[in-house]
Protein backbone atom coordinates (compact mmCIF):
# COMPACT_ATOMS: atom_id res chain seq x y z
CA MET A 1 38.75 43.04 2.66
CA ASN A 2 35.98 43.48 0.11
CA LYS A 3 35.92 39.91 -0.79
CA THR A 4 35.52 39.02 2.71
CA ALA A 5 32.74 41.16 3.30
CA ILE A 6 30.90 40.39 0.26
CA THR A 7 31.34 36.63 1.08
CA LEU A 8 30.10 37.42 4.60
CA ILE A 9 27.08 39.31 3.50
CA LEU A 10 26.17 36.40 0.86
CA ALA A 11 26.40 33.94 3.73
CA ILE A 12 24.19 35.94 6.00
CA ALA A 13 21.63 36.39 3.13
CA ALA A 14 21.56 32.83 2.22
CA GLY A 15 20.96 31.88 5.89
CA CYS A 16 17.90 34.42 6.16
CA GLN A 17 16.01 32.78 3.27
CA THR A 18 12.66 31.36 4.44
CA ARG A 19 11.28 28.14 3.22
CA GLN A 20 7.45 28.42 1.90
CA VAL A 21 5.49 25.64 2.19
CA THR A 22 2.07 25.34 0.62
CA ARG A 23 -0.97 22.87 1.18
CA VAL A 24 -1.98 20.99 -1.79
CA ASP A 25 -4.83 18.46 -2.57
CA PRO A 26 -3.47 14.94 -1.50
CA ALA A 27 -4.70 13.72 -4.92
CA THR A 28 -2.46 16.14 -6.73
CA GLN A 29 0.21 14.25 -8.54
CA ILE A 30 3.72 15.81 -7.72
CA ASP A 31 6.82 14.10 -8.79
CA LEU A 32 10.02 15.46 -7.54
CA SER A 33 12.54 12.85 -7.76
CA GLY A 34 11.28 10.46 -10.12
CA ARG A 35 11.14 7.67 -7.53
CA TRP A 36 8.03 5.74 -6.32
CA ASN A 37 5.74 8.19 -4.62
CA ASP A 38 2.35 8.38 -3.02
CA SER A 39 0.68 9.06 -6.33
CA ASP A 40 2.22 5.85 -7.80
CA SER A 41 0.81 3.66 -4.51
CA ARG A 42 -2.69 5.26 -4.99
CA LYS A 43 -2.86 4.63 -8.64
CA VAL A 44 -1.67 1.07 -8.44
CA ALA A 45 -3.95 0.15 -5.54
CA ASP A 46 -6.87 1.72 -7.27
CA GLN A 47 -6.46 0.14 -10.75
CA MET A 48 -5.40 -3.27 -9.34
CA ILE A 49 -8.38 -3.69 -7.05
CA TYR A 50 -10.55 -2.54 -9.72
CA ASP A 51 -8.87 -5.09 -12.04
CA LEU A 52 -9.32 -7.85 -9.44
CA PHE A 53 -12.95 -7.35 -8.77
CA GLU A 54 -13.73 -6.93 -12.34
CA SER A 55 -12.07 -10.29 -13.41
CA ASP A 56 -14.00 -13.21 -14.45
CA SER A 57 -12.10 -15.40 -12.11
CA PHE A 58 -12.99 -13.28 -8.88
CA LYS A 59 -16.52 -12.90 -10.19
CA GLY A 60 -17.02 -16.71 -10.47
CA TYR A 61 -15.44 -17.22 -7.15
CA ALA A 62 -17.68 -14.75 -5.54
CA LYS A 63 -20.82 -16.24 -7.47
CA ALA A 64 -20.35 -19.65 -6.10
CA ARG A 65 -20.24 -18.52 -2.50
CA ALA A 66 -23.27 -17.68 -0.45
CA ALA A 67 -21.81 -14.53 1.06
CA LYS A 68 -19.27 -12.03 -0.01
CA PRO A 69 -15.61 -13.28 -0.07
CA VAL A 70 -13.54 -12.38 2.88
CA ILE A 71 -10.04 -11.07 2.10
CA VAL A 72 -6.81 -10.52 4.01
CA VAL A 73 -4.17 -8.50 2.78
CA GLY A 74 -0.79 -10.27 3.32
CA THR A 75 2.68 -9.22 2.66
CA ILE A 76 3.52 -7.10 -0.31
CA ARG A 77 7.33 -7.15 -0.70
CA ASN A 78 9.45 -4.34 -2.06
CA LYS A 79 11.98 -5.99 -4.15
CA THR A 80 13.04 -2.56 -5.60
CA SER A 81 16.45 -0.65 -4.72
CA GLU A 82 14.35 2.21 -3.40
CA HIS A 83 12.52 2.64 0.01
CA ILE A 84 9.03 2.11 -0.35
CA ASP A 85 6.87 1.96 2.61
CA ALA A 86 5.19 -1.42 2.11
CA ASP A 87 2.85 -1.03 5.18
CA ASN A 88 1.36 2.29 3.73
CA PHE A 89 1.04 0.58 0.42
CA VAL A 90 -0.93 -2.25 1.95
CA LYS A 91 -3.07 0.10 3.78
CA LYS A 92 -3.99 1.57 0.39
CA PHE A 93 -5.16 -1.88 -0.84
CA GLU A 94 -7.19 -2.36 2.39
CA VAL A 95 -8.91 1.03 1.99
CA VAL A 96 -9.97 0.34 -1.47
CA ILE A 97 -11.13 -3.34 -0.70
CA HIS A 98 -13.01 -2.17 2.43
CA ASN A 99 -14.85 0.67 0.61
CA SER A 100 -15.78 -1.41 -2.51
CA GLY A 101 -18.63 -3.34 -0.92
CA VAL A 102 -17.52 -6.37 -3.21
CA ALA A 103 -15.73 -8.18 -0.29
CA ASP A 104 -15.28 -8.18 3.26
CA LEU A 105 -11.84 -7.60 4.89
CA VAL A 106 -10.41 -8.96 8.04
CA GLU A 107 -7.41 -7.77 9.98
CA SER A 108 -3.83 -8.49 9.12
CA SER A 109 -2.11 -10.91 11.57
CA GLU A 110 -0.38 -7.88 13.47
CA PHE A 111 -3.80 -6.57 14.42
CA ARG A 112 -5.51 -9.79 14.91
CA ASP A 113 -2.84 -10.65 17.43
CA GLN A 114 -3.74 -7.39 19.37
CA LEU A 115 -7.39 -8.19 19.22
CA ARG A 116 -6.88 -11.59 20.47
CA VAL A 117 -4.91 -10.28 23.55
CA GLU A 118 -7.85 -7.91 24.05
CA ARG A 119 -10.46 -10.59 24.03
CA LEU A 120 -8.21 -12.77 26.47
CA GLU A 121 -7.79 -9.84 28.85
CA GLN A 122 -11.54 -9.20 28.79
CA GLN A 123 -12.24 -12.87 29.89
CA GLU A 124 -10.47 -11.74 33.32
CA PHE A 125 -11.02 -8.17 33.62
CA ALA A 126 -14.23 -7.11 31.77
CA ASP A 127 -17.83 -6.99 33.01
CA PRO A 128 -19.30 -10.59 32.00
CA ALA A 129 -22.10 -8.71 30.09
CA THR A 130 -19.70 -7.13 27.66
CA VAL A 131 -17.06 -9.69 27.46
CA LYS A 132 -16.34 -10.68 23.67
CA LYS A 133 -16.29 -14.38 22.98
CA MET A 134 -13.29 -16.18 21.87
CA GLY A 135 -13.60 -18.33 18.57
CA LYS A 136 -15.90 -15.86 16.91
CA GLU A 137 -13.51 -14.44 14.39
CA ALA A 138 -14.40 -14.31 10.59
CA GLY A 139 -11.94 -16.60 8.60
CA ALA A 140 -10.47 -15.15 5.55
CA ASP A 141 -11.39 -16.95 2.35
CA LEU A 142 -8.70 -15.46 0.33
CA MET A 143 -5.21 -13.84 0.88
CA LEU A 144 -3.87 -11.00 -1.31
CA PHE A 145 -0.02 -10.71 -1.40
CA GLY A 146 2.64 -9.74 -3.97
CA GLU A 147 5.62 -7.67 -4.76
CA ILE A 148 6.96 -4.52 -6.41
CA SER A 149 10.09 -4.85 -8.57
CA SER A 150 11.83 -2.36 -10.80
CA GLU A 151 14.34 -2.28 -13.58
CA VAL A 152 16.38 0.67 -14.08
CA ASP A 153 18.25 1.92 -17.26
CA THR A 154 20.61 4.82 -16.90
CA TYR A 155 22.60 6.67 -19.47
CA ASN A 156 24.02 10.25 -19.65
CA ASN A 157 22.16 11.76 -16.81
CA LYS A 158 18.86 9.90 -18.08
CA ARG A 159 17.05 7.36 -16.32
CA VAL A 160 14.17 5.16 -17.21
CA VAL A 161 12.62 3.16 -14.02
CA ASN A 162 10.10 0.41 -14.77
CA TYR A 163 8.15 -0.41 -11.72
CA LEU A 164 6.12 -3.85 -11.90
CA THR A 165 3.56 -4.60 -9.16
CA THR A 166 2.42 -8.13 -9.03
CA LEU A 167 -0.40 -9.38 -6.86
CA PHE A 168 -1.68 -12.75 -6.20
CA LEU A 169 -5.22 -13.74 -4.69
CA THR A 170 -5.10 -17.23 -3.32
CA ASP A 171 -7.66 -19.32 -1.72
CA VAL A 172 -6.76 -19.73 1.95
CA GLU A 173 -8.15 -23.37 2.17
CA THR A 174 -7.09 -24.76 -1.39
CA ASN A 175 -3.97 -22.83 -2.08
CA LYS A 176 -5.55 -22.20 -5.46
CA ARG A 177 -4.54 -18.96 -7.15
CA ILE A 178 -7.91 -17.23 -7.83
CA TRP A 179 -6.43 -13.96 -9.59
CA TYR A 180 -3.09 -13.00 -10.75
CA GLY A 181 -2.45 -9.34 -11.78
CA GLN A 182 0.24 -7.04 -12.66
CA ASN A 183 0.46 -3.16 -13.12
CA GLU A 184 3.37 -1.29 -14.56
CA ILE A 185 4.54 2.37 -14.01
CA LYS A 186 7.43 3.64 -16.26
CA LYS A 187 9.27 6.88 -15.46
CA TYR A 188 11.57 8.74 -17.65
CA VAL A 189 13.90 11.15 -15.58
CA LYS A 190 16.23 13.65 -17.21
CA ASN A 191 18.65 15.66 -15.20
């Protein structure tokens, strides 16, 4: 009887525990699992775009043009065994490019399609004084795309994961690679 009562009391006590949630600065690095996280995405996006804009090849390309280069961010594939939200990662690159003032950014194909539908519908339904014209889109000069891959080494409850992000900046008209960059993050996790 005493064992049953103690077990019941412990079960009730465990059920009554409350969860504590604390707000933290989004820039705070918190690594709970050792897997890819928001800090890794932010660090890689900031560093790689900085490396891109500071590269001699990009500076030479930009200098040869009369205007700022126009970039569209294409697909960045997740080739790791982990779930990494590639769309969220792409948005981090877009924010850094947009805020840089070094290049202009045009919408990805997903959003361009939505804008085209809107312009098409305006042709029929909007006040003619406010209709936006077709054929006035800014064409991208360059497309940024790439992949995230990882290598994992595990032994005796220890794990080392090396994440490699590779980006390519390619001239849309000529298919010439303007810039090629890589960034590595290595994590050691001990259980």
